[in-house]
Protein backbone atom coordinates (compact mmCIF):
# COMPACT_ATOMS: atom_id res chain seq x y z
CA UNK A 1 40.90 1.45 -4.72
CA UNK A 2 38.38 3.01 -2.65
CA UNK A 3 37.54 4.89 -6.28
CA UNK A 4 37.11 1.28 -7.25
CA UNK A 5 35.08 0.64 -4.34
CA UNK A 6 33.28 3.21 -3.94
CA UNK A 7 32.41 2.52 -8.23
CA UNK A 8 31.34 -0.92 -7.31
CA UNK A 9 29.20 0.32 -4.37
CA UNK A 10 27.64 2.48 -6.60
CA UNK A 11 26.40 0.05 -9.50
CA UNK A 12 25.42 -2.00 -6.01
CA UNK A 13 23.11 0.07 -4.97
CA UNK A 14 21.84 1.55 -9.02
CA UNK A 15 20.94 -2.23 -9.91
CA UNK A 16 18.77 -2.11 -6.49
CA UNK A 17 17.43 1.04 -6.69
CA UNK A 18 15.89 -0.54 -10.16
CA UNK A 19 15.04 -3.71 -8.44
CA UNK A 20 12.94 -1.98 -6.72
CA UNK A 21 11.93 0.86 -8.92
CA UNK A 22 10.25 -2.47 -11.07
CA UNK A 23 8.55 -3.83 -7.95
CA UNK A 24 6.68 -1.00 -6.78
CA UNK A 25 5.15 -0.37 -10.29
CA UNK A 26 4.35 -4.88 -9.86
CA UNK A 27 2.12 -5.08 -7.05
CA UNK A 28 2.31 -7.46 -4.63
CA UNK A 29 6.49 -7.63 -5.90
CA UNK A 30 7.99 -4.85 -3.63
CA UNK A 31 9.71 -6.43 0.06
CA UNK A 32 7.52 -5.20 3.38
CA UNK A 33 7.51 -2.41 5.29
CA UNK A 34 10.90 -1.55 4.19
CA UNK A 35 12.94 1.26 2.84
CA UNK A 36 13.81 1.89 -0.61
CA UNK A 37 17.71 1.41 -0.03
CA UNK A 38 19.34 -1.09 2.28
CA UNK A 39 15.76 -2.93 1.99
CA UNK A 40 15.85 -3.23 -1.75
CA UNK A 41 20.05 -4.52 -0.94
CA UNK A 42 18.96 -6.84 1.74
CA UNK A 43 16.75 -8.21 -1.03
CA UNK A 44 18.77 -9.20 -3.31
CA UNK A 45 21.28 -10.15 -1.11
CA UNK A 46 18.84 -12.89 1.24
CA UNK A 47 17.57 -14.19 -2.45
CA UNK A 48 18.40 -17.11 -3.80
CA UNK A 49 18.66 -16.09 -7.25
CA UNK A 50 21.55 -13.86 -9.37
CA UNK A 51 20.64 -10.44 -8.88
CA UNK A 52 20.29 -10.61 -13.52
CA UNK A 53 17.67 -13.66 -12.47
CA UNK A 54 16.13 -10.56 -10.25
CA UNK A 55 16.51 -7.88 -12.77
CA UNK A 56 15.08 -10.14 -15.53
CA UNK A 57 11.71 -11.73 -14.01
CA UNK A 58 11.12 -8.36 -13.00
CA UNK A 59 11.34 -6.92 -16.21
CA UNK A 60 9.24 -9.91 -17.24
CA UNK A 61 6.23 -8.69 -14.61
CA UNK A 62 6.09 -6.04 -16.18
CA UNK A 63 6.11 -7.31 -19.57
CA UNK A 64 3.40 -9.14 -18.07
CA UNK A 65 1.39 -6.24 -16.64
CA UNK A 66 2.37 -4.84 -19.09
CA UNK A 67 -0.12 -6.93 -21.59
CA UNK A 68 -2.68 -7.64 -18.95
CA UNK A 69 -3.40 -3.98 -19.03
CA UNK A 70 -4.00 -3.80 -22.74
CA UNK A 71 -7.19 -5.88 -22.67
CA UNK A 72 -10.15 -4.91 -22.55
CA UNK A 73 -11.28 -7.36 -21.17
CA UNK A 74 -9.35 -8.19 -18.20
CA UNK A 75 -9.76 -6.52 -14.89
CA UNK A 76 -5.27 -5.42 -15.17
CA UNK A 77 -5.52 -3.64 -11.88
CA UNK A 78 -7.08 -6.20 -9.49
CA UNK A 79 -4.84 -9.13 -10.44
CA UNK A 80 -0.74 -9.26 -8.88
CA UNK A 81 1.82 -10.14 -11.00
CA UNK A 82 5.20 -12.36 -9.60
CA UNK A 83 7.09 -14.17 -11.51
CA UNK A 84 10.15 -16.30 -10.43
CA UNK A 85 12.78 -17.40 -12.40
CA UNK A 86 10.27 -17.04 -15.34
CA UNK A 87 6.79 -18.09 -13.81
CA UNK A 88 4.69 -16.06 -13.93
CA UNK A 89 2.10 -16.34 -10.67
CA UNK A 90 -1.27 -14.77 -10.70
CA UNK A 91 -3.33 -13.96 -7.66
CA UNK A 92 -6.03 -11.73 -7.08
CA UNK A 93 -10.21 -11.75 -8.16
CA UNK A 94 -12.22 -11.71 -11.33
CA UNK A 95 -15.75 -11.87 -12.49
CA UNK A 96 -15.87 -14.49 -14.40
CA UNK A 97 -14.03 -17.88 -15.15
CA UNK A 98 -13.69 -16.54 -19.03
CA UNK A 99 -11.27 -13.56 -17.45
CA UNK A 100 -9.32 -15.36 -15.58
CA UNK A 101 -8.75 -18.25 -18.53
CA UNK A 102 -7.88 -15.28 -20.72
CA UNK A 103 -5.58 -13.37 -18.05
CA UNK A 104 -3.84 -17.07 -17.85
CA UNK A 105 -3.89 -16.90 -21.88
CA UNK A 106 -2.44 -13.58 -22.07
CA UNK A 107 0.68 -13.75 -19.82
CA UNK A 108 1.32 -17.51 -21.18
CA UNK A 109 1.95 -15.09 -24.57
CA UNK A 110 4.65 -12.55 -23.47
CA UNK A 111 7.64 -13.41 -24.65
CA UNK A 112 9.93 -14.73 -22.24
CA UNK A 113 7.25 -16.68 -19.85
CA UNK A 114 7.94 -20.31 -19.05
CA UNK A 115 4.83 -20.60 -17.57
CA UNK A 116 1.89 -19.44 -16.08
CA UNK A 117 0.51 -20.34 -12.44
CA UNK A 118 -3.02 -19.50 -12.18
CA UNK A 119 -4.05 -18.41 -9.16
CA UNK A 120 -6.90 -16.28 -9.52
CA UNK A 121 -10.28 -16.15 -7.43
CA UNK A 122 -13.31 -15.73 -9.01
CA UNK A 123 -14.91 -12.92 -6.99
CA UNK A 124 -14.31 -9.81 -4.96
CA UNK A 125 -13.48 -8.88 -1.95
CA UNK A 126 -14.90 -6.17 0.64
CA UNK A 127 -12.23 -3.38 1.94
CA UNK A 128 -12.84 -5.14 5.09
CA UNK A 129 -11.28 -8.28 3.60
CA UNK A 130 -8.45 -6.78 1.62
CA UNK A 131 -7.38 -4.72 4.88
CA UNK A 132 -7.41 -7.82 6.92
CA UNK A 133 -5.44 -9.94 4.05
CA UNK A 134 -3.04 -7.16 4.21
CA UNK A 135 -2.25 -7.58 7.89
CA UNK A 136 -2.18 -10.59 7.76
CA UNK A 137 0.39 -11.46 5.41
CA UNK A 138 2.47 -8.51 7.26
CA UNK A 139 1.73 -11.06 10.79
CA UNK A 140 2.86 -14.19 8.02
CA UNK A 141 6.11 -11.97 7.03
CA UNK A 142 7.41 -11.11 10.32
CA UNK A 143 6.73 -14.39 11.19
CA UNK A 144 9.37 -15.52 7.85
CA UNK A 145 12.56 -12.61 9.11
CA UNK A 146 11.49 -13.70 13.10
CA UNK A 147 12.31 -17.47 11.76
CA UNK A 148 16.46 -17.93 12.02
CA UNK A 149 16.59 -20.90 9.60
CA UNK A 150 14.99 -18.60 6.54
CA UNK A 151 16.06 -16.20 4.50
CA UNK A 152 12.72 -14.18 4.62
CA UNK A 153 13.24 -11.13 2.02
CA UNK A 154 13.70 -13.76 -0.57
CA UNK A 155 9.92 -14.70 -0.72
CA UNK A 156 6.70 -13.31 -1.56
CA UNK A 157 4.01 -13.00 0.56
CA UNK A 158 0.51 -12.74 -0.90
CA UNK A 159 -2.38 -13.28 0.62
CA UNK A 160 -6.43 -13.13 -0.38
CA UNK A 161 -8.78 -14.66 1.90
CA UNK A 162 -7.08 -15.38 4.56
CA UNK A 163 -5.14 -18.06 2.17
CA UNK A 164 -1.29 -17.33 1.94
CA UNK A 165 0.52 -17.43 -1.33
CA UNK A 166 4.25 -18.10 -1.41
CA UNK A 167 6.43 -17.56 -4.09
CA UNK A 168 10.28 -17.55 -4.92
CA UNK A 169 12.88 -19.79 -4.61
CA UNK A 170 14.42 -20.83 -1.59
CA UNK A 171 17.64 -23.42 -1.52
CA UNK A 172 16.37 -26.56 -0.48
CA UNK A 173 13.07 -28.67 -0.45
CA UNK A 174 13.52 -28.24 3.93
CA UNK A 175 13.74 -24.86 4.39
CA UNK A 176 10.34 -24.46 1.98
CA UNK A 177 9.22 -26.80 4.56
CA UNK A 178 10.18 -24.86 7.12
CA UNK A 179 8.49 -21.95 5.61
CA UNK A 180 4.93 -23.34 5.33
CA UNK A 181 5.03 -24.64 8.98
CA UNK A 182 5.88 -21.23 10.06
CA UNK A 183 3.21 -19.61 7.80
CA UNK A 184 0.37 -22.23 8.24
CA UNK A 185 1.80 -21.58 11.93
CA UNK A 186 0.69 -18.00 12.49
CA UNK A 187 -3.60 -17.30 13.43
CA UNK A 188 -5.83 -16.48 11.27
CA UNK A 189 -4.43 -18.39 8.20
CA UNK A 190 -7.05 -20.54 6.84
CA UNK A 191 -4.24 -21.94 3.81
CA UNK A 192 -1.32 -21.87 2.49
CA UNK A 193 -0.09 -23.17 -0.86
CA UNK A 194 3.59 -22.85 -1.48
CA UNK A 195 4.31 -22.87 -4.43
CA UNK A 196 8.70 -21.62 -4.10
CA UNK A 197 10.83 -23.03 -5.79
CA UNK A 198 13.99 -24.89 -4.81
CA UNK A 199 17.10 -24.24 -6.51
CA UNK A 200 20.46 -23.61 -5.00
CA UNK A 201 21.63 -22.61 -8.30
CA UNK A 202 20.40 -19.47 -11.00
């Protein structure tokens, strides 16, 4: 029995490590301020998606990022890619509407993608603005984690010019609303784009 339990734990943490490695490869997907071992496992345990679905989404995000990287006209390193239940979320800054549209088109052509939410903005951020956005994102994530009604580890938080973008899966419309309210209540947040999916099953 103990051998079986040990084997199960090994497989769980192996899967956790693989998931984390995939997240690190895709900008914007890594859990904030969480260590490599227990953090990844806790994120998986508190995500409404099954482990298989999370791994599928991470793998799909890697393939979308690779497709963007192979497109000469698209500055892939400046684009964050998140995938939730097969839906690709693009965020970041690009120089023109043509590049924005091309990034969305390339992402949508990757096998397995069921939809694209193109949140790319035109223009750029200064180093100071990017730093402020990361700091604000950390405060939003902390606020979500402190709320007992929210399973925050399954929620991705991206911030661009003080506007918060929320991606992930929650179990109810009430929780989606609560997450949006908490994020909007953080000092410095200029707006919230709540793109959380509501689904208690996978």
